[in-house]
PDB file of N, CA and C in Angstrom:
ATOM      1  N   ALA A   1    -106.917-115.787 -85.378  1.00  0.00           N
ATOM      2  CA  ALA A   1    -106.907-115.717 -83.925  1.00  0.00           C
ATOM      3  C   ALA A   1    -107.395-114.355 -83.432  1.00  0.00           C
ATOM      4  N   GLN A   2    -107.025-113.283 -84.148  1.00  0.00           N
ATOM      5  CA  GLN A   2    -107.450-111.953 -83.713  1.00  0.00           C
ATOM      6  C   GLN A   2    -108.967-111.777 -83.875  1.00  0.00           C
ATOM      7  N   ALA A   3    -109.521-112.310 -84.955  1.00  0.00           N
ATOM      8  CA  ALA A   3    -110.974-112.244 -85.145  1.00  0.00           C
ATOM      9  C   ALA A   3    -111.681-113.067 -84.072  1.00  0.00           C
ATOM     10  N   ALA A   4    -111.092-114.187 -83.696  1.00  0.00           N
ATOM     11  CA  ALA A   4    -111.670-115.022 -82.639  1.00  0.00           C
ATOM     12  C   ALA A   4    -111.655-114.270 -81.311  1.00  0.00           C
ATOM     13  N   LYS A   5    -110.612-113.502 -81.054  1.00  0.00           N
ATOM     14  CA  LYS A   5    -110.561-112.686 -79.831  1.00  0.00           C
ATOM     15  C   LYS A   5    -111.712-111.684 -79.805  1.00  0.00           C
ATOM     16  N   VAL A   6    -111.966-111.063 -80.953  1.00  0.00           N
ATOM     17  CA  VAL A   6    -113.065-110.097 -81.031  1.00  0.00           C
ATOM     18  C   VAL A   6    -114.389-110.807 -80.765  1.00  0.00           C
ATOM     19  N   MET A   7    -114.573-111.965 -81.380  1.00  0.00           N
ATOM     20  CA  MET A   7    -115.802-112.736 -81.188  1.00  0.00           C
ATOM     21  C   MET A   7    -115.998-113.098 -79.718  1.00  0.00           C
ATOM     22  N   LEU A   8    -114.959-113.586 -79.081  1.00  0.00           N
ATOM     23  CA  LEU A   8    -115.070-113.971 -77.675  1.00  0.00           C
ATOM     24  C   LEU A   8    -115.306-112.758 -76.778  1.00  0.00           C
ATOM     25  N   ALA A   9    -114.708-111.632 -77.114  1.00  0.00           N
ATOM     26  CA  ALA A   9    -114.943-110.405 -76.348  1.00  0.00           C
ATOM     27  C   ALA A   9    -116.393-109.962 -76.486  1.00  0.00           C
ATOM     28  N   ILE A  10    -116.942-110.047 -77.691  1.00  0.00           N
ATOM     29  CA  ILE A  10    -118.354-109.692 -77.895  1.00  0.00           C
ATOM     30  C   ILE A  10    -119.246-110.635 -77.103  1.00  0.00           C
ATOM     31  N   LEU A  11    -118.943-111.916 -77.135  1.00  0.00           N
ATOM     32  CA  LEU A  11    -119.722-112.891 -76.368  1.00  0.00           C
ATOM     33  C   LEU A  11    -119.705-112.539 -74.886  1.00  0.00           C
ATOM     34  N   LYS A  12    -118.539-112.211 -74.378  1.00  0.00           N
ATOM     35  CA  LYS A  12    -118.411-111.885 -72.952  1.00  0.00           C
ATOM     36  C   LYS A  12    -119.149-110.589 -72.598  1.00  0.00           C
ATOM     37  N   LEU A  13    -119.006-109.572 -73.439  1.00  0.00           N
ATOM     38  CA  LEU A  13    -119.551-108.250 -73.115  1.00  0.00           C
ATOM     39  C   LEU A  13    -121.017-108.069 -73.497  1.00  0.00           C
ATOM     40  N   SER A  14    -121.438-108.728 -74.576  1.00  0.00           N
ATOM     41  CA  SER A  14    -122.776-108.452 -75.104  1.00  0.00           C
ATOM     42  C   SER A  14    -123.708-109.649 -75.120  1.00  0.00           C
ATOM     43  N   GLY A  15    -123.185-110.825 -74.842  1.00  0.00           N
ATOM     44  CA  GLY A  15    -124.034-112.007 -74.774  1.00  0.00           C
ATOM     45  C   GLY A  15    -124.154-112.752 -76.096  1.00  0.00           C
ATOM     46  N   PRO A  16    -124.795-113.919 -76.047  1.00  0.00           N
ATOM     47  CA  PRO A  16    -124.826-114.809 -77.209  1.00  0.00           C
ATOM     48  C   PRO A  16    -125.631-114.284 -78.399  1.00  0.00           C
ATOM     49  N   LYS A  17    -126.687-113.541 -78.180  1.00  0.00           N
ATOM     50  CA  LYS A  17    -127.489-113.069 -79.319  1.00  0.00           C
ATOM     51  C   LYS A  17    -126.695-112.101 -80.191  1.00  0.00           C
ATOM     52  N   ILE A  18    -126.028-111.148 -79.562  1.00  0.00           N
ATOM     53  CA  ILE A  18    -125.219-110.183 -80.313  1.00  0.00           C
ATOM     54  C   ILE A  18    -124.016-110.889 -80.925  1.00  0.00           C
ATOM     55  N   ALA A  19    -123.405-111.805 -80.184  1.00  0.00           N
ATOM     56  CA  ALA A  19    -122.242-112.541 -80.700  1.00  0.00           C
ATOM     57  C   ALA A  19    -122.631-113.368 -81.925  1.00  0.00           C
ATOM     58  N   TYR A  20    -123.805-113.977 -81.889  1.00  0.00           N
ATOM     59  CA  TYR A  20    -124.246-114.777 -83.038  1.00  0.00           C
ATOM     60  C   TYR A  20    -124.534-113.885 -84.241  1.00  0.00           C
ATOM     61  N   ARG A  21    -125.142-112.742 -84.005  1.00  0.00           N
ATOM     62  CA  ARG A  21    -125.391-111.792 -85.085  1.00  0.00           C
ATOM     63  C   ARG A  21    -124.058-111.348 -85.714  1.00  0.00           C
ATOM     64  N   PHE A  22    -123.077-111.057 -84.854  1.00  0.00           N
ATOM     65  CA  PHE A  22    -121.741-110.691 -85.324  1.00  0.00           C
ATOM     66  C   PHE A  22    -121.131-111.829 -86.140  1.00  0.00           C
ATOM     67  N   HIS A  23    -121.222-113.046 -85.610  1.00  0.00           N
ATOM     68  CA  HIS A  23    -120.670-114.236 -86.268  1.00  0.00           C
ATOM     69  C   HIS A  23    -121.241-114.386 -87.682  1.00  0.00           C
ATOM     70  N   LEU A  24    -122.556-114.277 -87.813  1.00  0.00           N
ATOM     71  CA  LEU A  24    -123.187-114.425 -89.126  1.00  0.00           C
ATOM     72  C   LEU A  24    -122.725-113.341 -90.096  1.00  0.00           C
ATOM     73  N   ARG A  25    -122.632-112.126 -89.609  1.00  0.00           N
ATOM     74  CA  ARG A  25    -122.194-111.027 -90.474  1.00  0.00           C
ATOM     75  C   ARG A  25    -120.725-111.176 -90.870  1.00  0.00           C
ATOM     76  N   LEU A  26    -119.904-111.575 -89.911  1.00  0.00           N
ATOM     77  CA  LEU A  26    -118.474-111.704 -90.198  1.00  0.00           C
ATOM     78  C   LEU A  26    -118.216-112.794 -91.230  1.00  0.00           C
ATOM     79  N   LEU A  27    -118.825-113.948 -91.031  1.00  0.00           N
ATOM     80  CA  LEU A  27    -118.585-115.053 -91.947  1.00  0.00           C
ATOM     81  C   LEU A  27    -119.331-114.882 -93.265  1.00  0.00           C
ATOM     82  N   GLY A  28    -120.312-113.997 -93.293  1.00  0.00           N
ATOM     83  CA  GLY A  28    -121.032-113.717 -94.528  1.00  0.00           C
ATOM     84  C   GLY A  28    -120.406-112.602 -95.342  1.00  0.00           C
ATOM     85  N   SER A  29    -119.355-112.014 -94.807  1.00  0.00           N
ATOM     86  CA  SER A  29    -118.699-110.907 -95.504  1.00  0.00           C
ATOM     87  C   SER A  29    -117.678-111.444 -96.508  1.00  0.00           C
ATOM     88  N   HIS A  30    -117.283-110.584 -97.422  1.00  0.00           N
ATOM     89  CA  HIS A  30    -116.268-110.955 -98.412  1.00  0.00           C
ATOM     90  C   HIS A  30    -114.923-110.401 -97.968  1.00  0.00           C
ATOM     91  N   GLY A  31    -113.868-111.059 -98.382  1.00  0.00           N
ATOM     92  CA  GLY A  31    -112.534-110.594 -98.041  1.00  0.00           C
ATOM     93  C   GLY A  31    -111.979-111.334 -96.845  1.00  0.00           C
ATOM     94  N   PRO A  32    -110.794-110.914 -96.429  1.00  0.00           N
ATOM     95  CA  PRO A  32    -110.134-111.609 -95.319  1.00  0.00           C
ATOM     96  C   PRO A  32    -110.876-111.413 -94.000  1.00  0.00           C
ATOM     97  N   VAL A  33    -110.856-112.447 -93.200  1.00  0.00           N
ATOM     98  CA  VAL A  33    -111.415-112.375 -91.853  1.00  0.00           C
ATOM     99  C   VAL A  33    -110.223-112.313 -90.910  1.00  0.00           C
ATOM    100  N   ASP A  34    -109.991-111.114 -90.377  1.00  0.00           N
ATOM    101  CA  ASP A  34    -108.878-110.927 -89.453  1.00  0.00           C
ATOM    102  C   ASP A  34    -109.338-109.979 -88.351  1.00  0.00           C
ATOM    103  N   GLY A  35    -108.421-109.633 -87.483  1.00  0.00           N
ATOM    104  CA  GLY A  35    -108.768-108.771 -86.355  1.00  0.00           C
ATOM    105  C   GLY A  35    -109.285-107.411 -86.788  1.00  0.00           C
ATOM    106  N   LEU A  36    -108.663-106.824 -87.800  1.00  0.00           N
ATOM    107  CA  LEU A  36    -109.082-105.496 -88.255  1.00  0.00           C
ATOM    108  C   LEU A  36    -110.474-105.511 -88.858  1.00  0.00           C
ATOM    109  N   SER A  37    -110.755-106.516 -89.693  1.00  0.00           N
ATOM    110  CA  SER A  37    -112.094-106.593 -90.286  1.00  0.00           C
ATOM    111  C   SER A  37    -113.142-106.904 -89.213  1.00  0.00           C
ATOM    112  N   ALA A  38    -112.776-107.715 -88.227  1.00  0.00           N
ATOM    113  CA  ALA A  38    -113.706-108.035 -87.139  1.00  0.00           C
ATOM    114  C   ALA A  38    -114.009-106.790 -86.305  1.00  0.00           C
ATOM    115  N   LEU A  39    -112.986-106.022 -85.993  1.00  0.00           N
ATOM    116  CA  LEU A  39    -113.206-104.790 -85.224  1.00  0.00           C
ATOM    117  C   LEU A  39    -114.015-103.772 -86.026  1.00  0.00           C
ATOM    118  N   ALA A  40    -113.757-103.674 -87.317  1.00  0.00           N
ATOM    119  CA  ALA A  40    -114.517-102.746 -88.157  1.00  0.00           C
ATOM    120  C   ALA A  40    -115.993-103.128 -88.169  1.00  0.00           C
ATOM    121  N   LEU A  41    -116.274-104.408 -88.327  1.00  0.00           N
ATOM    122  CA  LEU A  41    -117.659-104.877 -88.315  1.00  0.00           C
ATOM    123  C   LEU A  41    -118.309-104.604 -86.964  1.00  0.00           C
ATOM    124  N   ALA A  42    -117.591-104.898 -85.883  1.00  0.00           N
ATOM    125  CA  ALA A  42    -118.123-104.642 -84.538  1.00  0.00           C
ATOM    126  C   ALA A  42    -118.449-103.165 -84.371  1.00  0.00           C
ATOM    127  N   GLY A  43    -117.571-102.302 -84.844  1.00  0.00           N
ATOM    128  CA  GLY A  43    -117.826-100.869 -84.782  1.00  0.00           C
ATOM    129  C   GLY A  43    -119.053-100.485 -85.584  1.00  0.00           C
ATOM    130  N   ASN A  44    -119.214-101.078 -86.769  1.00  0.00           N
ATOM    131  CA  ASN A  44    -120.401-100.824 -87.594  1.00  0.00           C
ATOM    132  C   ASN A  44    -121.681-101.294 -86.921  1.00  0.00           C
ATOM    133  N   MET A  45    -121.562-102.269 -86.033  1.00  0.00           N
ATOM    134  CA  MET A  45    -122.715-102.763 -85.286  1.00  0.00           C
ATOM    135  C   MET A  45    -122.982-101.924 -84.036  1.00  0.00           C
ATOM    136  N   GLY A  46    -122.173-100.890 -83.825  1.00  0.00           N
ATOM    137  CA  GLY A  46    -122.371-100.018 -82.676  1.00  0.00           C
ATOM    138  C   GLY A  46    -121.680-100.478 -81.407  1.00  0.00           C
ATOM    139  N   LEU A  47    -120.789-101.450 -81.522  1.00  0.00           N
ATOM    140  CA  LEU A  47    -120.069-101.949 -80.353  1.00  0.00           C
ATOM    141  C   LEU A  47    -118.804-101.129 -80.133  1.00  0.00           C
ATOM    142  N   ASP A  48    -118.363-101.065 -78.903  1.00  0.00           N
ATOM    143  CA  ASP A  48    -117.204-100.265 -78.499  1.00  0.00           C
ATOM    144  C   ASP A  48    -115.914-100.985 -78.871  1.00  0.00           C
ATOM    145  N   ARG A  49    -115.259-100.515 -79.932  1.00  0.00           N
ATOM    146  CA  ARG A  49    -114.047-101.174 -80.429  1.00  0.00           C
ATOM    147  C   ARG A  49    -112.927-101.196 -79.394  1.00  0.00           C
ATOM    148  N   LYS A  50    -112.725-100.101 -78.692  1.00  0.00           N
ATOM    149  CA  LYS A  50    -111.646-100.039 -77.692  1.00  0.00           C
ATOM    150  C   LYS A  50    -111.879-101.060 -76.582  1.00  0.00           C
ATOM    151  N   LEU A  51    -113.131-101.130 -76.112  1.00  0.00           N
ATOM    152  CA  LEU A  51    -113.460-102.087 -75.051  1.00  0.00           C
ATOM    153  C   LEU A  51    -113.289-103.519 -75.550  1.00  0.00           C
ATOM    154  N   LEU A  52    -113.666-103.764 -76.797  1.00  0.00           N
ATOM    155  CA  LEU A  52    -113.480-105.100 -77.365  1.00  0.00           C
ATOM    156  C   LEU A  52    -112.003-105.458 -77.470  1.00  0.00           C
ATOM    157  N   GLU A  53    -111.174-104.505 -77.880  1.00  0.00           N
ATOM    158  CA  GLU A  53    -109.729-104.758 -77.967  1.00  0.00           C
ATOM    159  C   GLU A  53    -109.152-105.077 -76.592  1.00  0.00           C
ATOM    160  N   THR A  54    -109.506-104.269 -75.602  1.00  0.00           N
ATOM    161  CA  THR A  54    -109.005-104.472 -74.237  1.00  0.00           C
ATOM    162  C   THR A  54    -109.450-105.823 -73.691  1.00  0.00           C
ATOM    163  N   THR A  55    -110.727-106.140 -73.876  1.00  0.00           N
ATOM    164  CA  THR A  55    -111.268-107.408 -73.381  1.00  0.00           C
ATOM    165  C   THR A  55    -110.651-108.581 -74.128  1.00  0.00           C
ATOM    166  N   GLY A  56    -110.532-108.452 -75.448  1.00  0.00           N
ATOM    167  CA  GLY A  56    -109.973-109.532 -76.261  1.00  0.00           C
ATOM    168  C   GLY A  56    -108.511-109.809 -75.975  1.00  0.00           C
ATOM    169  N   ASP A  57    -107.777-108.792 -75.560  1.00  0.00           N
ATOM    170  CA  ASP A  57    -106.358-108.966 -75.252  1.00  0.00           C
ATOM    171  C   ASP A  57    -106.103-109.419 -73.815  1.00  0.00           C
ATOM    172  N   ALA A  58    -107.140-109.504 -73.001  1.00  0.00           N
ATOM    173  CA  ALA A  58    -106.979-109.912 -71.602  1.00  0.00           C
ATOM    174  C   ALA A  58    -106.724-111.419 -71.508  1.00  0.00           C
ATOM    175  N   ALA A  59    -106.086-111.816 -70.437  1.00  0.00           N
ATOM    176  CA  ALA A  59    -105.694-113.215 -70.231  1.00  0.00           C
ATOM    177  C   ALA A  59    -106.854-114.214 -70.317  1.00  0.00           C
ATOM    178  N   PRO A  60    -108.036-113.918 -69.758  1.00  0.00           N
ATOM    179  CA  PRO A  60    -109.111-114.924 -69.841  1.00  0.00           C
ATOM    180  C   PRO A  60    -109.487-115.310 -71.281  1.00  0.00           C
ATOM    181  N   ILE A  61    -109.479-114.335 -72.196  1.00  0.00           N
ATOM    182  CA  ILE A  61    -109.795-114.641 -73.589  1.00  0.00           C
ATOM    183  C   ILE A  61    -108.661-115.468 -74.202  1.00  0.00           C
ATOM    184  N   GLY A  62    -107.431-115.123 -73.901  1.00  0.00           N
ATOM    185  CA  GLY A  62    -106.291-115.911 -74.370  1.00  0.00           C
ATOM    186  C   GLY A  62    -106.345-117.342 -73.872  1.00  0.00           C
ATOM    187  N   ASP A  63    -106.771-117.513 -72.630  1.00  0.00           N
ATOM    188  CA  ASP A  63    -106.904-118.857 -72.061  1.00  0.00           C
ATOM    189  C   ASP A  63    -107.965-119.665 -72.809  1.00  0.00           C
ATOM    190  N   ILE A  64    -109.086-119.029 -73.118  1.00  0.00           N
ATOM    191  CA  ILE A  64    -110.160-119.707 -73.853  1.00  0.00           C
ATOM    192  C   ILE A  64    -109.667-120.130 -75.230  1.00  0.00           C
ATOM    193  N   LEU A  65    -108.990-119.230 -75.935  1.00  0.00           N
ATOM    194  CA  LEU A  65    -108.457-119.569 -77.257  1.00  0.00           C
ATOM    195  C   LEU A  65    -107.465-120.723 -77.182  1.00  0.00           C
ATOM    196  N   HIS A  66    -106.619-120.711 -76.173  1.00  0.00           N
ATOM    197  CA  HIS A  66    -105.647-121.786 -75.999  1.00  0.00           C
ATOM    198  C   HIS A  66    -106.367-123.120 -75.796  1.00  0.00           C
ATOM    199  N   GLU A  67    -107.391-123.136 -74.951  1.00  0.00           N
ATOM    200  CA  GLU A  67    -108.154-124.367 -74.712  1.00  0.00           C
ATOM    201  C   GLU A  67    -108.849-124.838 -75.984  1.00  0.00           C
ATOM    202  N   GLN A  68    -109.437-123.902 -76.737  1.00  0.00           N
ATOM    203  CA  GLN A  68    -110.109-124.272 -77.981  1.00  0.00           C
ATOM    204  C   GLN A  68    -109.126-124.851 -78.989  1.00  0.00           C
ATOM    205  N   ASN A  69    -107.941-124.251 -79.082  1.00  0.00           N
ATOM    206  CA  ASN A  69    -106.920-124.767 -79.992  1.00  0.00           C
ATOM    207  C   ASN A  69    -106.449-126.159 -79.595  1.00  0.00           C
ATOM    208  N   GLN A  70    -106.287-126.384 -78.304  1.00  0.00           N
ATOM    209  CA  GLN A  70    -105.882-127.710 -77.825  1.00  0.00           C
ATOM    210  C   GLN A  70    -106.951-128.752 -78.150  1.00  0.00           C
ATOM    211  N   LEU A  71    -108.229-128.403 -77.934  1.00  0.00           N
ATOM    212  CA  LEU A  71    -109.318-129.330 -78.245  1.00  0.00           C
ATOM    213  C   LEU A  71    -109.345-129.630 -79.741  1.00  0.00           C
ATOM    214  N   ALA A  72    -109.277-128.588 -80.565  1.00  0.00           N
ATOM    215  CA  ALA A  72    -109.288-128.787 -82.020  1.00  0.00           C
ATOM    216  C   ALA A  72    -108.130-129.673 -82.457  1.00  0.00           C
ATOM    217  N   SER A  73    -106.961-129.436 -81.910  1.00  0.00           N
ATOM    218  CA  SER A  73    -105.788-130.234 -82.250  1.00  0.00           C
ATOM    219  C   SER A  73    -105.970-131.690 -81.837  1.00  0.00           C
ATOM    220  N   SER A  74    -106.521-131.907 -80.655  1.00  0.00           N
ATOM    221  CA  SER A  74    -106.712-133.281 -80.180  1.00  0.00           C
ATOM    222  C   SER A  74    -107.743-134.028 -81.018  1.00  0.00           C
ATOM    223  N   LEU A  75    -108.643-133.300 -81.664  1.00  0.00           N
ATOM    224  CA  LEU A  75    -109.651-133.920 -82.527  1.00  0.00           C
ATOM    225  C   LEU A  75    -109.168-134.042 -83.974  1.00  0.00           C
ATOM    226  N   GLY A  76    -107.992-133.497 -84.251  1.00  0.00           N
ATOM    227  CA  GLY A  76    -107.457-133.545 -85.600  1.00  0.00           C
ATOM    228  C   GLY A  76    -108.045-132.486 -86.520  1.00  0.00           C
ATOM    229  N   PHE A  77    -108.670-131.476 -85.955  1.00  0.00           N
ATOM    230  CA  PHE A  77    -109.264-130.410 -86.754  1.00  0.00           C
ATOM    231  C   PHE A  77    -108.181-129.427 -87.188  1.00  0.00           C
ATOM    232  N   VAL A  78    -108.043-129.265 -88.491  1.00  0.00           N
ATOM    233  CA  VAL A  78    -107.042-128.352 -89.028  1.00  0.00           C
ATOM    234  C   VAL A  78    -107.679-127.306 -89.933  1.00  0.00           C
ATOM    235  N   ALA A  79    -108.994-127.264 -89.966  1.00  0.00           N
ATOM    236  CA  ALA A  79    -109.708-126.309 -90.818  1.00  0.00           C
ATOM    237  C   ALA A  79    -110.735-125.561 -89.988  1.00  0.00           C
ATOM    238  N   THR A  80    -111.044-124.367 -90.433  1.00  0.00           N
ATOM    239  CA  THR A  80    -112.087-123.576 -89.801  1.00  0.00           C
ATOM    240  C   THR A  80    -113.119-123.264 -90.864  1.00  0.00           C
ATOM    241  N   PRO A  81    -114.376-123.601 -90.604  1.00  0.00           N
ATOM    242  CA  PRO A  81    -114.867-124.259 -89.398  1.00  0.00           C
ATOM    243  C   PRO A  81    -114.678-125.772 -89.470  1.00  0.00           C
ATOM    244  N   SER A  82    -114.792-126.390 -88.340  1.00  0.00           N
ATOM    245  CA  SER A  82    -114.841-127.847 -88.233  1.00  0.00           C
ATOM    246  C   SER A  82    -115.964-128.190 -87.266  1.00  0.00           C
ATOM    247  N   PHE A  83    -116.541-129.362 -87.450  1.00  0.00           N
ATOM    248  CA  PHE A  83    -117.677-129.767 -86.630  1.00  0.00           C
ATOM    249  C   PHE A  83    -117.471-131.186 -86.139  1.00  0.00           C
ATOM    250  N   MET A  84    -117.986-131.469 -84.956  1.00  0.00           N
ATOM    251  CA  MET A  84    -118.019-132.828 -84.430  1.00  0.00           C
ATOM    252  C   MET A  84    -119.484-133.142 -84.175  1.00  0.00           C
ATOM    253  N   ILE A  85    -119.971-134.166 -84.860  1.00  0.00           N
ATOM    254  CA  ILE A  85    -121.370-134.548 -84.682  1.00  0.00           C
ATOM    255  C   ILE A  85    -121.462-136.064 -84.680  1.00  0.00           C
ATOM    256  N   ALA A  86    -122.057-136.596 -83.662  1.00  0.00           N
ATOM    257  CA  ALA A  86    -122.241-138.042 -83.499  1.00  0.00           C
ATOM    258  C   ALA A  86    -120.909-138.786 -83.633  1.00  0.00           C
ATOM    259  N   GLY A  87    -119.846-138.198 -83.092  1.00  0.00           N
ATOM    260  CA  GLY A  87    -118.543-138.842 -83.095  1.00  0.00           C
ATOM    261  C   GLY A  87    -117.789-138.762 -84.412  1.00  0.00           C
ATOM    262  N   VAL A  88    -118.310-137.990 -85.364  1.00  0.00           N
ATOM    263  CA  VAL A  88    -117.672-137.856 -86.672  1.00  0.00           C
ATOM    264  C   VAL A  88    -117.192-136.419 -86.840  1.00  0.00           C
ATOM    265  N   GLY A  89    -115.929-136.261 -87.202  1.00  0.00           N
ATOM    266  CA  GLY A  89    -115.381-134.935 -87.447  1.00  0.00           C
ATOM    267  C   GLY A  89    -115.618-134.517 -88.891  1.00  0.00           C
ATOM    268  N   ILE A  90    -116.034-133.282 -89.071  1.00  0.00           N
ATOM    269  CA  ILE A  90    -116.261-132.729 -90.401  1.00  0.00           C
ATOM    270  C   ILE A  90    -115.353-131.519 -90.534  1.00  0.00           C
ATOM    271  N   LEU A  91    -114.383-131.609 -91.442  1.00  0.00           N
ATOM    272  CA  LEU A  91    -113.445-130.513 -91.657  1.00  0.00           C
ATOM    273  C   LEU A  91    -113.997-129.586 -92.726  1.00  0.00           C
ATOM    274  N   GLY A  92    -114.124-128.327 -92.390  1.00  0.00           N
ATOM    275  CA  GLY A  92    -114.673-127.359 -93.325  1.00  0.00           C
ATOM    276  C   GLY A  92    -116.189-127.401 -93.323  1.00  0.00           C
ATOM    277  N   TYR A  93    -116.775-126.492 -94.062  1.00  0.00           N
ATOM    278  CA  TYR A  93    -118.234-126.396 -94.132  1.00  0.00           C
ATOM    279  C   TYR A  93    -118.732-127.089 -95.385  1.00  0.00           C
ATOM    280  N   PRO A  94    -119.517-128.167 -95.236  1.00  0.00           N
ATOM    281  CA  PRO A  94    -119.953-128.924 -96.410  1.00  0.00           C
ATOM    282  C   PRO A  94    -121.141-128.314 -97.136  1.00  0.00           C
ATOM    283  N   GLY A  95    -121.683-127.238 -96.623  1.00  0.00           N
ATOM    284  CA  GLY A  95    -122.850-126.605 -97.238  1.00  0.00           C
ATOM    285  C   GLY A  95    -124.103-126.874 -96.435  1.00  0.00           C
ATOM    286  N   VAL A  96    -125.067-126.006 -96.630  1.00  0.00           N
ATOM    287  CA  VAL A  96    -126.288-126.070 -95.819  1.00  0.00           C
ATOM    288  C   VAL A  96    -127.088-127.341 -96.082  1.00  0.00           C
ATOM    289  N   LYS A  97    -127.185-127.786 -97.327  1.00  0.00           N
ATOM    290  CA  LYS A  97    -127.967-128.998 -97.627  1.00  0.00           C
ATOM    291  C   LYS A  97    -127.357-130.221 -96.959  1.00  0.00           C
ATOM    292  N   THR A  98    -126.039-130.347 -97.065  1.00  0.00           N
ATOM    293  CA  THR A  98    -125.363-131.485 -96.452  1.00  0.00           C
ATOM    294  C   THR A  98    -125.487-131.438 -94.934  1.00  0.00           C
ATOM    295  N   MET A  99    -125.283-130.255 -94.357  1.00  0.00           N
ATOM    296  CA  MET A  99    -125.412-130.135 -92.896  1.00  0.00           C
ATOM    297  C   MET A  99    -126.830-130.484 -92.449  1.00  0.00           C
ATOM    298  N   ASN A 100    -127.825-130.037 -93.201  1.00  0.00           N
ATOM    299  CA  ASN A 100    -129.216-130.366 -92.856  1.00  0.00           C
ATOM    300  C   ASN A 100    -129.465-131.869 -92.922  1.00  0.00           C
ATOM    301  N   ARG A 101    -128.894-132.535 -93.945  1.00  0.00           N
ATOM    302  CA  ARG A 101    -129.052-133.990 -94.043  1.00  0.00           C
ATOM    303  C   ARG A 101    -128.361-134.698 -92.875  1.00  0.00           C
ATOM    304  N   ILE A 102    -127.190-134.233 -92.513  1.00  0.00           N
ATOM    305  CA  ILE A 102    -126.459-134.847 -91.395  1.00  0.00           C
ATOM    306  C   ILE A 102    -127.250-134.695 -90.103  1.00  0.00           C
ATOM    307  N   VAL A 103    -127.734-133.497 -89.833  1.00  0.00           N
ATOM    308  CA  VAL A 103    -128.505-133.262 -88.605  1.00  0.00           C
ATOM    309  C   VAL A 103    -129.779-134.099 -88.603  1.00  0.00           C
ATOM    310  N   ALA A 104    -130.466-134.169 -89.735  1.00  0.00           N
ATOM    311  CA  ALA A 104    -131.682-134.983 -89.817  1.00  0.00           C
ATOM    312  C   ALA A 104    -131.379-136.458 -89.553  1.00  0.00           C
ATOM    313  N   SER A 105    -130.270-136.953 -90.103  1.00  0.00           N
ATOM    314  CA  SER A 105    -129.888-138.350 -89.872  1.00  0.00           C
ATOM    315  C   SER A 105    -129.579-138.604 -88.405  1.00  0.00           C
ATOM    316  N   VAL A 106    -128.832-137.705 -87.793  1.00  0.00           N
ATOM    317  CA  VAL A 106    -128.478-137.882 -86.383  1.00  0.00           C
ATOM    318  C   VAL A 106    -129.741-137.881 -85.522  1.00  0.00           C
ATOM    319  N   ARG A 107    -130.673-137.025 -85.852  1.00  0.00           N
ATOM    320  CA  ARG A 107    -131.932-136.997 -85.091  1.00  0.00           C
ATOM    321  C   ARG A 107    -132.739-138.276 -85.300  1.00  0.00           C
ATOM    322  N   LYS A 108    -132.670-138.838 -86.512  1.00  0.00           N
ATOM    323  CA  LYS A 108    -133.436-140.021 -86.840  1.00  0.00           C
ATOM    324  C   LYS A 108    -132.818-141.292 -86.275  1.00  0.00           C
ATOM    325  N   CYS A 109    -131.499-141.479 -86.480  1.00  0.00           N
ATOM    326  CA  CYS A 109    -130.886-142.759 -86.122  1.00  0.00           C
ATOM    327  C   CYS A 109    -129.618-142.630 -85.282  1.00  0.00           C
ATOM    328  N   GLU A 110    -129.296-141.393 -84.868  1.00  0.00           N
ATOM    329  CA  GLU A 110    -128.105-141.112 -84.065  1.00  0.00           C
ATOM    330  C   GLU A 110    -126.801-141.427 -84.793  1.00  0.00           C
ATOM    331  N   LYS A 111    -126.843-141.425 -86.126  1.00  0.00           N
ATOM    332  CA  LYS A 111    -125.658-141.600 -86.961  1.00  0.00           C
ATOM    333  C   LYS A 111    -125.655-140.525 -88.026  1.00  0.00           C
ATOM    334  N   VAL A 112    -124.461-140.227 -88.556  1.00  0.00           N
ATOM    335  CA  VAL A 112    -124.342-139.207 -89.593  1.00  0.00           C
ATOM    336  C   VAL A 112    -125.070-139.636 -90.870  1.00  0.00           C
ATOM    337  N   VAL A 113    -125.031-140.937 -91.163  1.00  0.00           N
ATOM    338  CA  VAL A 113    -125.766-141.483 -92.297  1.00  0.00           C
ATOM    339  C   VAL A 113    -126.530-142.707 -91.784  1.00  0.00           C
ATOM    340  N   CYS A 114    -127.840-142.701 -91.983  1.00  0.00           N
ATOM    341  CA  CYS A 114    -128.662-143.836 -91.552  1.00  0.00           C
ATOM    342  C   CYS A 114    -128.591-144.971 -92.594  1.00  0.00           C
ATOM    343  N   SER A 115    -128.705-146.191 -92.132  1.00  0.00           N
ATOM    344  CA  SER A 115    -128.656-147.358 -93.042  1.00  0.00           C
ATOM    345  C   SER A 115    -129.944-147.471 -93.806  1.00  0.00           C
TER     346      SER A 115
END
């Protein structure tokens, strides 16, 4: 949750391009993903850690996290990451090849697996 606060604060303060760059670096790193590691990475990227902490701890970010948790719960998602594509929930990351096949199928026949 603390790492998610940092991510949402970066999105709010720096926009989607920087947030996506942060996201890729954070999830590509080794070790635990928590608030401290997220703030350290943000600092290494030249972002203002204090401002991110203040923004991440503000009520609007907490509200967003609460809404995201409610949505995930209502979909039965209990793993991070989880995906919803063409009405099918995918718990966890199945790998790039599988995700590419799923996306290609949805584009081709609007189903996760084409007949």
